[in-house]
């Protein structure tokens, strides 16, 4: 885990754990430190986690995520963190990990399956969500193995695990994403809304999967400003 301190902010600040995508086979560099630098400019401490991927299986990445959130609340790497405002931001498979953290999916380790290991908000960027519908097979195979049980696939589908205690989320996707269908984001946002949890969802008509900050593509390039405004309303930016 690496850290990028909040820029120009004194005292305890909110923190966000960034989880890059890569289908649970690797992690994309453009969804890592560049995203941390953007959040840092908003006055948010940012941590980038290189969680375990294949050949490691569930619950290894989830264990890594929970350990990271617990460490961040304790001021990991010497940063002054507001322990009541620790969130996650994930892309694609990293979005899946962010959503499983948000819905308190169990690792089977009592020391990790605690309330402090659940983030206080989440930002999900073209996330993998369902392991039962419109499945991104690469992520499912890499995380759950070649012949997982139906119970495990449901447990690893955060849209089926949402409750009234799931944290608020900002979610975005593109309608023509050919790798991870937009229905993943629609399903998660819909589950939040049905549970009475605040959710903001943006679907842009066009854009390939894996856009990251999407600075060069009209439409999706708006997601960072929209997300910054949402974080500001949540009281998480330098003005918050």
Protein backbone atom coordinates (compact mmCIF):
# COMPACT_ATOMS: atom_id res chain seq x y z
CA UNK A 1 0.00 0.00 0.00
CA UNK A 2 1.28 3.45 -0.95
CA UNK A 3 -0.03 6.82 0.19
CA UNK A 4 -0.52 10.23 -1.40
CA UNK A 5 -1.24 12.86 1.29
CA UNK A 6 -4.05 15.38 0.93
CA UNK A 7 -2.69 18.46 -0.78
CA UNK A 8 -2.77 21.75 1.12
CA UNK A 9 -4.88 20.51 4.04
CA UNK A 10 -3.96 20.53 7.72
CA UNK A 11 -5.34 18.35 10.50
CA UNK A 12 -7.17 15.02 10.16
CA UNK A 13 -8.60 14.53 6.68
CA UNK A 14 -10.90 11.98 5.05
CA UNK A 15 -9.12 9.12 3.31
CA UNK A 16 -9.93 6.95 0.30
CA UNK A 17 -8.52 3.53 -0.56
CA UNK A 18 -8.02 3.18 -4.33
CA UNK A 19 -8.46 -0.30 -5.80
CA UNK A 20 -7.32 -0.55 -9.44
CA UNK A 21 -8.94 -2.99 -11.83
CA UNK A 22 -7.49 -5.88 -13.77
CA UNK A 23 -9.94 -8.77 -13.65
CA UNK A 24 -8.37 -10.16 -10.46
CA UNK A 25 -5.40 -11.09 -12.66
CA UNK A 26 -3.39 -7.88 -12.35
CA UNK A 27 -3.79 -4.18 -11.60
CA UNK A 28 -3.91 -1.28 -14.04
CA UNK A 29 -1.38 1.48 -13.45
CA UNK A 30 -3.60 4.18 -14.96
CA UNK A 31 -6.27 3.37 -12.33
CA UNK A 32 -3.79 3.71 -9.47
CA UNK A 33 -1.48 6.64 -8.65
CA UNK A 34 -3.01 9.09 -11.18
CA UNK A 35 -6.35 8.63 -9.41
CA UNK A 36 -4.67 9.15 -6.04
CA UNK A 37 -3.19 12.44 -7.25
CA UNK A 38 -6.65 13.63 -8.34
CA UNK A 39 -8.15 12.81 -4.92
CA UNK A 40 -5.20 14.39 -3.14
CA UNK A 41 -5.94 17.66 -4.94
CA UNK A 42 -9.44 17.56 -3.43
CA UNK A 43 -7.95 17.48 0.09
CA UNK A 44 -8.34 13.73 0.61
CA UNK A 45 -5.61 11.41 1.83
CA UNK A 46 -5.35 8.58 -0.69
CA UNK A 47 -3.96 5.08 -0.41
CA UNK A 48 -3.39 2.75 -3.38
CA UNK A 49 -3.63 -0.94 -2.57
CA UNK A 50 -1.98 -3.67 -4.63
CA UNK A 51 -4.24 -6.44 -3.39
CA UNK A 52 -3.56 -10.09 -4.12
CA UNK A 53 -4.83 -11.48 -7.42
CA UNK A 54 -4.77 -14.88 -9.17
CA UNK A 55 -3.52 -17.46 -8.43
CA UNK A 56 -4.79 -16.25 -5.04
CA UNK A 57 -8.52 -16.80 -4.61
CA UNK A 58 -11.27 -15.42 -2.39
CA UNK A 59 -10.96 -14.33 0.38
CA UNK A 60 -7.37 -13.12 -0.24
CA UNK A 61 -8.22 -9.79 -1.96
CA UNK A 62 -11.01 -9.11 0.53
CA UNK A 63 -8.65 -9.79 3.42
CA UNK A 64 -6.17 -7.34 1.94
CA UNK A 65 -8.88 -4.70 1.55
CA UNK A 66 -10.16 -5.08 5.09
CA UNK A 67 -6.65 -5.01 6.55
CA UNK A 68 -5.97 -1.83 4.58
CA UNK A 69 -9.14 -0.09 5.79
CA UNK A 70 -8.36 -0.97 9.40
CA UNK A 71 -4.80 0.31 9.01
CA UNK A 72 -5.97 3.54 7.37
CA UNK A 73 -8.32 4.28 10.27
CA UNK A 74 -5.24 4.01 12.50
CA UNK A 75 -3.30 6.55 10.40
CA UNK A 76 -1.26 4.17 8.27
CA UNK A 77 1.97 5.53 6.81
CA UNK A 78 1.91 8.49 9.16
CA UNK A 79 -1.08 10.40 7.79
CA UNK A 80 -3.58 12.21 10.04
CA UNK A 81 -6.82 10.49 9.04
CA UNK A 82 -10.36 11.28 10.15
CA UNK A 83 -11.31 7.80 11.33
CA UNK A 84 -15.01 8.49 10.71
CA UNK A 85 -14.47 9.23 7.00
CA UNK A 86 -12.65 6.42 5.23
CA UNK A 87 -13.93 5.38 1.81
CA UNK A 88 -13.08 3.18 -1.15
CA UNK A 89 -12.82 3.84 -4.88
CA UNK A 90 -12.54 0.93 -7.26
CA UNK A 91 -12.40 0.29 -11.00
CA UNK A 92 -13.81 -2.82 -12.70
CA UNK A 93 -12.67 -5.80 -10.57
CA UNK A 94 -11.38 -3.26 -8.06
CA UNK A 95 -14.93 -1.92 -8.05
CA UNK A 96 -16.11 -5.42 -7.21
CA UNK A 97 -13.69 -5.51 -4.28
CA UNK A 98 -14.90 -2.07 -3.18
CA UNK A 99 -18.51 -3.27 -3.32
CA UNK A 100 -17.80 -6.47 -1.39
CA UNK A 101 -16.06 -4.36 1.27
CA UNK A 102 -19.08 -2.04 1.34
CA UNK A 103 -21.54 -4.89 1.78
CA UNK A 104 -19.48 -6.52 4.56
CA UNK A 105 -18.92 -9.79 2.70
CA UNK A 106 -17.31 -12.23 5.12
CA UNK A 107 -13.72 -13.42 4.98
CA UNK A 108 -14.30 -15.96 7.75
CA UNK A 109 -11.73 -14.13 9.90
CA UNK A 110 -13.42 -12.60 12.96
CA UNK A 111 -10.61 -10.10 13.44
CA UNK A 112 -11.24 -8.68 9.96
CA UNK A 113 -15.03 -9.05 9.67
CA UNK A 114 -15.69 -6.00 11.85
CA UNK A 115 -17.54 -2.74 11.37
CA UNK A 116 -14.36 -0.68 11.05
CA UNK A 117 -13.45 -2.72 7.95
CA UNK A 118 -16.54 -1.42 6.14
CA UNK A 119 -15.95 1.87 4.29
CA UNK A 120 -18.03 4.97 4.96
CA UNK A 121 -18.72 5.58 1.26
CA UNK A 122 -17.75 4.06 -2.07
CA UNK A 123 -17.03 5.23 -5.60
CA UNK A 124 -17.51 2.47 -8.17
CA UNK A 125 -16.18 2.97 -11.68
CA UNK A 126 -17.55 0.53 -14.30
CA UNK A 127 -17.59 -2.12 -11.55
CA UNK A 128 -17.92 -5.86 -11.81
CA UNK A 129 -20.85 -6.58 -9.50
CA UNK A 130 -22.78 -9.75 -10.23
CA UNK A 131 -21.30 -13.23 -10.30
CA UNK A 132 -24.73 -14.66 -11.18
CA UNK A 133 -26.00 -12.45 -14.05
CA UNK A 134 -24.12 -11.12 -17.12
CA UNK A 135 -20.98 -12.45 -15.48
CA UNK A 136 -17.52 -11.12 -16.29
CA UNK A 137 -16.15 -14.63 -16.47
CA UNK A 138 -12.49 -13.73 -16.13
CA UNK A 139 -13.03 -11.98 -12.81
CA UNK A 140 -15.25 -14.79 -11.53
CA UNK A 141 -12.80 -17.51 -12.51
CA UNK A 142 -9.80 -15.67 -11.08
CA UNK A 143 -11.50 -14.90 -7.77
CA UNK A 144 -13.73 -17.91 -7.17
CA UNK A 145 -11.97 -20.67 -9.11
CA UNK A 146 -13.17 -22.92 -11.90
CA UNK A 147 -16.18 -24.60 -10.27
CA UNK A 148 -17.50 -22.44 -7.43
CA UNK A 149 -20.71 -23.27 -5.61
CA UNK A 150 -23.88 -21.29 -6.25
CA UNK A 151 -23.75 -20.11 -2.64
CA UNK A 152 -20.26 -18.67 -3.13
CA UNK A 153 -21.27 -16.91 -6.35
CA UNK A 154 -24.22 -15.31 -4.57
CA UNK A 155 -22.07 -14.33 -1.60
CA UNK A 156 -19.65 -12.65 -4.01
CA UNK A 157 -22.44 -10.71 -5.78
CA UNK A 158 -22.64 -7.48 -3.76
CA UNK A 159 -25.91 -6.43 -5.39
CA UNK A 160 -27.45 -9.37 -3.51
CA UNK A 161 -25.77 -8.38 -0.22
CA UNK A 162 -26.90 -4.74 0.05
CA UNK A 163 -28.66 -3.74 3.26
CA UNK A 164 -29.81 -0.53 4.92
CA UNK A 165 -26.36 -0.26 6.54
CA UNK A 166 -24.45 -0.35 3.24
CA UNK A 167 -22.64 2.99 2.74
CA UNK A 168 -23.64 5.56 0.09
CA UNK A 169 -22.16 5.17 -3.36
CA UNK A 170 -21.27 7.14 -6.47
CA UNK A 171 -21.41 4.82 -9.48
CA UNK A 172 -20.61 5.37 -13.15
CA UNK A 173 -20.48 3.22 -16.26
CA UNK A 174 -20.79 3.48 -20.02
CA UNK A 175 -23.81 2.07 -21.79
CA UNK A 176 -21.81 0.29 -24.48
CA UNK A 177 -19.16 -1.26 -22.21
CA UNK A 178 -18.44 -4.52 -24.04
CA UNK A 179 -16.45 -6.13 -21.21
CA UNK A 180 -18.57 -5.50 -18.11
CA UNK A 181 -22.20 -4.76 -19.01
CA UNK A 182 -23.77 -1.61 -17.60
CA UNK A 183 -26.39 -3.77 -15.88
CA UNK A 184 -23.80 -4.43 -13.15
CA UNK A 185 -23.90 -0.78 -12.09
CA UNK A 186 -27.66 -0.56 -12.58
CA UNK A 187 -28.16 -3.58 -10.34
CA UNK A 188 -25.97 -2.26 -7.51
CA UNK A 189 -27.41 1.25 -7.60
CA UNK A 190 -30.93 -0.16 -7.74
CA UNK A 191 -30.26 -2.37 -4.71
CA UNK A 192 -28.98 0.64 -2.76
CA UNK A 193 -32.01 2.73 -3.63
CA UNK A 194 -34.41 -0.06 -2.67
CA UNK A 195 -32.59 -0.34 0.68
CA UNK A 196 -32.94 3.40 1.29
CA UNK A 197 -29.21 4.07 0.83
CA UNK A 198 -28.18 7.26 -1.01
CA UNK A 199 -26.79 6.48 -4.45
CA UNK A 200 -25.75 8.61 -7.42
CA UNK A 201 -25.53 6.84 -10.78
CA UNK A 202 -24.20 8.19 -14.08
CA UNK A 203 -24.40 6.24 -17.34
CA UNK A 204 -22.60 7.75 -20.33
CA UNK A 205 -23.71 6.61 -23.79
CA UNK A 206 -20.28 5.66 -25.12
CA UNK A 207 -16.87 4.63 -23.87
CA UNK A 208 -14.74 1.51 -23.79
CA UNK A 209 -14.08 -0.42 -20.62
CA UNK A 210 -11.10 0.63 -18.50
CA UNK A 211 -11.19 4.39 -19.09
CA UNK A 212 -9.67 5.38 -15.75
CA UNK A 213 -9.82 9.16 -15.35
CA UNK A 214 -11.22 9.33 -18.94
CA UNK A 215 -9.70 12.77 -19.50
CA UNK A 216 -9.71 12.50 -23.32
CA UNK A 217 -13.23 11.19 -23.96
CA UNK A 218 -16.15 13.67 -24.04
CA UNK A 219 -18.93 12.46 -21.78
CA UNK A 220 -17.10 10.11 -19.45
CA UNK A 221 -14.51 12.85 -18.87
CA UNK A 222 -17.17 14.49 -16.69
CA UNK A 223 -17.12 11.74 -14.08
CA UNK A 224 -14.32 13.26 -12.00
CA UNK A 225 -16.04 16.64 -11.69
CA UNK A 226 -19.37 14.97 -10.93
CA UNK A 227 -17.72 12.78 -8.32
CA UNK A 228 -15.84 15.75 -6.81
CA UNK A 229 -19.14 17.59 -6.45
CA UNK A 230 -20.68 14.53 -4.77
CA UNK A 231 -17.74 14.21 -2.40
CA UNK A 232 -18.08 17.92 -1.60
CA UNK A 233 -21.77 17.48 -0.75
CA UNK A 234 -20.77 14.58 1.47
CA UNK A 235 -18.34 16.90 3.26
CA UNK A 236 -15.19 15.06 2.16
CA UNK A 237 -13.30 17.63 0.08
CA UNK A 238 -10.98 20.38 1.32
CA UNK A 239 -14.04 22.56 1.84
CA UNK A 240 -15.75 19.82 3.88
